[in-house]
Amino acid sequence: MTQVREIKCPNCGEWTMWQGDIDDRCLFCGGFLESRQFSREIEKKVTKQLQQEDDYLYVGPGDGTMKQWFKRSLNRVRWVVILLQIAFFIFVSAMLVLISLLPG
């Protein structure tokens, strides 16, 4: 259950209802009540999308069927390699701990 409160609009100065969402607008002037936070959220979304599209294995909507399959396959291989590296480092760390605990 969201709580409705009143907040003073930074644009027109009138008191308006506010539910705490970043996209809430003033009832009088239609301006955003949290314009800075809204701008930051939009900027984060745009930046994330651009970083994703800059990836050389990004599967674009205009890619052909074979190209999409190839990119998805390479993405899976890339994640498998990353997970194997993590497992290897955990194994080596565990072995070092076990060796250090042995009386010698």
N, C-alpha and C. Protein backbone atom coordinates (compact mmCIF):
# COMPACT_ATOMS: atom_id res chain seq x y z
N MET A 1 0.85 -1.18 0.00
CA MET A 1 0.00 0.00 0.00
C MET A 1 0.89 1.24 0.00
N THR A 2 0.76 2.08 -1.00
CA THR A 2 1.56 3.28 -1.08
C THR A 2 0.89 4.40 -0.29
N GLN A 3 1.74 5.20 0.31
CA GLN A 3 1.26 6.32 1.10
C GLN A 3 1.24 7.56 0.23
N VAL A 4 0.14 8.28 0.24
CA VAL A 4 0.03 9.52 -0.52
C VAL A 4 0.30 10.68 0.43
N ARG A 5 1.23 11.53 0.03
CA ARG A 5 1.58 12.71 0.83
C ARG A 5 1.49 13.94 -0.04
N GLU A 6 1.59 15.07 0.60
CA GLU A 6 1.62 16.33 -0.14
C GLU A 6 3.04 16.84 -0.18
N ILE A 7 3.39 17.41 -1.31
CA ILE A 7 4.72 17.98 -1.50
C ILE A 7 4.55 19.28 -2.28
N LYS A 8 5.43 20.20 -2.02
CA LYS A 8 5.38 21.48 -2.72
C LYS A 8 6.10 21.32 -4.06
N CYS A 9 5.44 21.65 -5.13
CA CYS A 9 6.00 21.50 -6.48
C CYS A 9 7.19 22.45 -6.64
N PRO A 10 8.34 21.94 -7.09
CA PRO A 10 9.50 22.82 -7.29
C PRO A 10 9.32 23.75 -8.49
N ASN A 11 8.36 23.47 -9.36
CA ASN A 11 8.17 24.29 -10.56
C ASN A 11 7.21 25.45 -10.33
N CYS A 12 6.01 25.14 -9.80
CA CYS A 12 4.99 26.19 -9.66
C CYS A 12 4.78 26.63 -8.21
N GLY A 13 5.26 25.88 -7.23
CA GLY A 13 5.14 26.26 -5.84
C GLY A 13 3.82 25.86 -5.18
N GLU A 14 2.95 25.16 -5.90
CA GLU A 14 1.67 24.70 -5.34
C GLU A 14 1.87 23.37 -4.62
N TRP A 15 1.02 23.13 -3.61
CA TRP A 15 1.04 21.86 -2.90
C TRP A 15 0.26 20.84 -3.71
N THR A 16 0.84 19.67 -3.94
CA THR A 16 0.22 18.64 -4.76
C THR A 16 0.42 17.27 -4.13
N MET A 17 -0.34 16.30 -4.58
CA MET A 17 -0.26 14.94 -4.04
C MET A 17 0.97 14.24 -4.61
N TRP A 18 1.64 13.44 -3.76
CA TRP A 18 2.87 12.76 -4.16
C TRP A 18 2.87 11.36 -3.57
N GLN A 19 3.08 10.34 -4.41
CA GLN A 19 3.09 8.95 -3.95
C GLN A 19 4.50 8.43 -3.70
N GLY A 20 5.51 9.21 -3.99
CA GLY A 20 6.88 8.80 -3.75
C GLY A 20 7.56 8.19 -4.96
N ASP A 21 6.86 8.14 -6.10
CA ASP A 21 7.45 7.60 -7.32
C ASP A 21 8.29 8.67 -8.00
N ILE A 22 9.28 8.22 -8.81
CA ILE A 22 10.13 9.21 -9.47
C ILE A 22 9.45 9.88 -10.64
N ASP A 23 8.38 9.26 -11.16
CA ASP A 23 7.70 9.86 -12.31
C ASP A 23 6.39 10.55 -11.94
N ASP A 24 6.21 10.89 -10.65
CA ASP A 24 5.02 11.63 -10.23
C ASP A 24 5.08 13.05 -10.78
N ARG A 25 3.91 13.54 -11.20
CA ARG A 25 3.83 14.90 -11.77
C ARG A 25 2.91 15.77 -10.93
N CYS A 26 3.13 17.06 -11.03
CA CYS A 26 2.31 18.04 -10.34
C CYS A 26 0.92 18.06 -10.96
N LEU A 27 -0.10 18.18 -10.11
CA LEU A 27 -1.47 18.22 -10.61
C LEU A 27 -1.80 19.55 -11.28
N PHE A 28 -1.04 20.59 -10.98
CA PHE A 28 -1.34 21.93 -11.49
C PHE A 28 -0.55 22.27 -12.76
N CYS A 29 0.78 22.08 -12.71
CA CYS A 29 1.59 22.47 -13.87
C CYS A 29 2.06 21.29 -14.71
N GLY A 30 1.95 20.07 -14.19
CA GLY A 30 2.36 18.89 -14.94
C GLY A 30 3.85 18.61 -14.92
N GLY A 31 4.60 19.38 -14.13
CA GLY A 31 6.05 19.17 -14.04
C GLY A 31 6.38 18.00 -13.11
N PHE A 32 7.56 17.45 -13.30
CA PHE A 32 8.01 16.36 -12.44
C PHE A 32 8.30 16.87 -11.04
N LEU A 33 7.86 16.12 -10.04
CA LEU A 33 8.09 16.52 -8.66
C LEU A 33 9.51 16.18 -8.21
N GLU A 34 10.08 15.12 -8.74
CA GLU A 34 11.46 14.72 -8.44
C GLU A 34 12.24 14.73 -9.74
N SER A 35 12.45 15.90 -10.30
CA SER A 35 13.04 16.00 -11.64
C SER A 35 14.49 15.52 -11.66
N ARG A 36 15.26 15.80 -10.61
CA ARG A 36 16.67 15.37 -10.59
C ARG A 36 16.76 13.85 -10.52
N GLN A 37 15.98 13.23 -9.67
CA GLN A 37 16.01 11.78 -9.53
C GLN A 37 15.50 11.12 -10.82
N PHE A 38 14.47 11.69 -11.42
CA PHE A 38 13.94 11.17 -12.68
C PHE A 38 15.01 11.24 -13.77
N SER A 39 15.72 12.36 -13.83
CA SER A 39 16.78 12.53 -14.83
C SER A 39 17.89 11.51 -14.61
N ARG A 40 18.27 11.28 -13.35
CA ARG A 40 19.32 10.30 -13.06
C ARG A 40 18.90 8.89 -13.47
N GLU A 41 17.65 8.53 -13.21
CA GLU A 41 17.16 7.19 -13.57
C GLU A 41 17.15 7.00 -15.09
N ILE A 42 16.71 8.02 -15.82
CA ILE A 42 16.70 7.94 -17.28
C ILE A 42 18.13 7.85 -17.80
N GLU A 43 19.04 8.62 -17.22
CA GLU A 43 20.43 8.58 -17.65
C GLU A 43 21.06 7.21 -17.40
N LYS A 44 20.74 6.59 -16.26
CA LYS A 44 21.24 5.25 -15.97
C LYS A 44 20.74 4.24 -16.99
N LYS A 45 19.45 4.32 -17.35
CA LYS A 45 18.88 3.39 -18.32
C LYS A 45 19.54 3.55 -19.68
N VAL A 46 19.74 4.81 -20.11
CA VAL A 46 20.35 5.07 -21.41
C VAL A 46 21.80 4.58 -21.42
N THR A 47 22.54 4.84 -20.36
CA THR A 47 23.93 4.41 -20.27
C THR A 47 24.04 2.89 -20.30
N LYS A 48 23.16 2.22 -19.58
CA LYS A 48 23.17 0.75 -19.57
C LYS A 48 22.87 0.21 -20.96
N GLN A 49 21.90 0.79 -21.66
CA GLN A 49 21.56 0.35 -23.01
C GLN A 49 22.73 0.57 -23.97
N LEU A 50 23.40 1.72 -23.87
CA LEU A 50 24.53 2.00 -24.75
C LEU A 50 25.69 1.05 -24.48
N GLN A 51 25.96 0.74 -23.21
CA GLN A 51 27.02 -0.21 -22.89
C GLN A 51 26.70 -1.59 -23.43
N GLN A 52 25.45 -1.98 -23.36
CA GLN A 52 25.04 -3.27 -23.87
C GLN A 52 25.20 -3.33 -25.39
N GLU A 53 24.85 -2.27 -26.08
CA GLU A 53 24.95 -2.24 -27.53
C GLU A 53 26.39 -2.13 -28.00
N ASP A 54 27.30 -1.60 -27.16
CA ASP A 54 28.70 -1.50 -27.53
C ASP A 54 29.42 -2.84 -27.46
N ASP A 55 28.82 -3.81 -26.81
CA ASP A 55 29.42 -5.13 -26.71
C ASP A 55 29.49 -5.74 -28.11
N TYR A 56 30.63 -6.34 -28.44
CA TYR A 56 30.80 -6.88 -29.78
C TYR A 56 29.97 -8.12 -30.02
N LEU A 57 29.43 -8.74 -28.97
CA LEU A 57 28.56 -9.89 -29.13
C LEU A 57 27.10 -9.55 -28.85
N TYR A 58 26.74 -8.29 -28.95
CA TYR A 58 25.36 -7.86 -28.76
C TYR A 58 24.51 -8.39 -29.91
N VAL A 59 23.42 -9.05 -29.59
CA VAL A 59 22.52 -9.58 -30.61
C VAL A 59 21.53 -8.49 -30.97
N GLY A 60 21.75 -7.87 -32.11
CA GLY A 60 20.90 -6.77 -32.55
C GLY A 60 19.66 -7.26 -33.27
N PRO A 61 18.64 -6.41 -33.35
CA PRO A 61 17.41 -6.82 -34.02
C PRO A 61 17.59 -6.99 -35.53
N GLY A 62 18.61 -6.38 -36.11
CA GLY A 62 18.82 -6.48 -37.56
C GLY A 62 19.74 -7.61 -37.94
N ASP A 63 20.25 -8.36 -36.98
CA ASP A 63 21.15 -9.47 -37.28
C ASP A 63 20.38 -10.62 -37.92
N GLY A 64 21.06 -11.33 -38.80
CA GLY A 64 20.45 -12.49 -39.43
C GLY A 64 20.35 -13.65 -38.46
N THR A 65 19.68 -14.72 -38.89
CA THR A 65 19.47 -15.88 -38.02
C THR A 65 20.78 -16.54 -37.64
N MET A 66 21.66 -16.75 -38.61
CA MET A 66 22.95 -17.39 -38.32
C MET A 66 23.83 -16.51 -37.43
N LYS A 67 23.81 -15.23 -37.69
CA LYS A 67 24.61 -14.30 -36.89
C LYS A 67 24.12 -14.26 -35.45
N GLN A 68 22.79 -14.28 -35.25
CA GLN A 68 22.23 -14.30 -33.90
C GLN A 68 22.61 -15.59 -33.19
N TRP A 69 22.51 -16.73 -33.88
CA TRP A 69 22.87 -18.02 -33.29
C TRP A 69 24.35 -18.04 -32.91
N PHE A 70 25.21 -17.53 -33.80
CA PHE A 70 26.65 -17.50 -33.54
C PHE A 70 26.97 -16.62 -32.33
N LYS A 71 26.37 -15.45 -32.25
CA LYS A 71 26.63 -14.54 -31.12
C LYS A 71 26.12 -15.14 -29.82
N ARG A 72 24.94 -15.76 -29.84
CA ARG A 72 24.43 -16.38 -28.61
C ARG A 72 25.31 -17.53 -28.17
N SER A 73 25.81 -18.31 -29.13
CA SER A 73 26.70 -19.42 -28.80
C SER A 73 28.00 -18.90 -28.18
N LEU A 74 28.56 -17.86 -28.76
CA LEU A 74 29.79 -17.30 -28.21
C LEU A 74 29.56 -16.69 -26.83
N ASN A 75 28.40 -16.08 -26.61
CA ASN A 75 28.08 -15.55 -25.28
C ASN A 75 28.02 -16.67 -24.25
N ARG A 76 27.41 -17.81 -24.62
CA ARG A 76 27.35 -18.94 -23.70
C ARG A 76 28.75 -19.46 -23.39
N VAL A 77 29.59 -19.58 -24.42
CA VAL A 77 30.96 -20.05 -24.22
C VAL A 77 31.72 -19.08 -23.32
N ARG A 78 31.52 -17.79 -23.54
CA ARG A 78 32.20 -16.79 -22.72
C ARG A 78 31.83 -16.93 -21.25
N TRP A 79 30.54 -17.14 -20.96
CA TRP A 79 30.11 -17.30 -19.57
C TRP A 79 30.62 -18.60 -18.96
N VAL A 80 30.68 -19.65 -19.75
CA VAL A 80 31.22 -20.92 -19.24
C VAL A 80 32.69 -20.74 -18.86
N VAL A 81 33.46 -20.05 -19.70
CA VAL A 81 34.87 -19.81 -19.42
C VAL A 81 35.03 -18.98 -18.15
N ILE A 82 34.21 -17.96 -17.99
CA ILE A 82 34.28 -17.11 -16.78
C ILE A 82 33.97 -17.94 -15.54
N LEU A 83 32.94 -18.78 -15.61
CA LEU A 83 32.58 -19.61 -14.45
C LEU A 83 33.66 -20.65 -14.16
N LEU A 84 34.30 -21.20 -15.19
CA LEU A 84 35.40 -22.13 -14.97
C LEU A 84 36.60 -21.45 -14.31
N GLN A 85 36.87 -20.22 -14.69
CA GLN A 85 37.96 -19.48 -14.06
C GLN A 85 37.66 -19.24 -12.58
N ILE A 86 36.45 -18.88 -12.28
CA ILE A 86 36.07 -18.66 -10.87
C ILE A 86 36.19 -19.96 -10.09
N ALA A 87 35.72 -21.06 -10.66
CA ALA A 87 35.82 -22.35 -9.99
C ALA A 87 37.28 -22.73 -9.77
N PHE A 88 38.14 -22.47 -10.74
CA PHE A 88 39.57 -22.78 -10.60
C PHE A 88 40.19 -21.97 -9.46
N PHE A 89 39.90 -20.70 -9.38
CA PHE A 89 40.46 -19.87 -8.31
C PHE A 89 39.94 -20.30 -6.95
N ILE A 90 38.69 -20.70 -6.87
CA ILE A 90 38.16 -21.20 -5.60
C ILE A 90 38.86 -22.50 -5.22
N PHE A 91 39.06 -23.38 -6.19
CA PHE A 91 39.76 -24.64 -5.93
C PHE A 91 41.18 -24.41 -5.45
N VAL A 92 41.91 -23.54 -6.12
CA VAL A 92 43.29 -23.25 -5.73
C VAL A 92 43.32 -22.62 -4.34
N SER A 93 42.41 -21.70 -4.06
CA SER A 93 42.37 -21.07 -2.74
C SER A 93 42.06 -22.10 -1.66
N ALA A 94 41.13 -23.01 -1.92
CA ALA A 94 40.80 -24.05 -0.94
C ALA A 94 41.99 -24.97 -0.71
N MET A 95 42.71 -25.31 -1.77
CA MET A 95 43.90 -26.16 -1.63
C MET A 95 44.97 -25.46 -0.80
N LEU A 96 45.17 -24.18 -1.01
CA LEU A 96 46.16 -23.44 -0.22
C LEU A 96 45.77 -23.38 1.25
N VAL A 97 44.49 -23.22 1.52
CA VAL A 97 44.04 -23.20 2.90
C VAL A 97 44.26 -24.57 3.54
N LEU A 98 43.90 -25.63 2.82
CA LEU A 98 44.09 -26.98 3.35
C LEU A 98 45.56 -27.30 3.60
N ILE A 99 46.41 -26.91 2.68
CA ILE A 99 47.84 -27.15 2.84
C ILE A 99 48.39 -26.37 4.04
N SER A 100 47.92 -25.16 4.22
CA SER A 100 48.42 -24.35 5.34
C SER A 100 47.92 -24.89 6.69
N LEU A 101 46.80 -25.61 6.70
CA LEU A 101 46.27 -26.14 7.94
C LEU A 101 46.92 -27.48 8.34
N LEU A 102 47.55 -28.14 7.39
CA LEU A 102 48.21 -29.41 7.70
C LEU A 102 49.40 -29.18 8.64
N PRO A 103 49.56 -30.07 9.62
CA PRO A 103 50.73 -29.90 10.50
C PRO A 103 51.99 -30.25 9.74
N GLY A 104 52.97 -29.48 9.90
CA GLY A 104 54.15 -29.77 9.12
C GLY A 104 55.36 -29.39 9.79
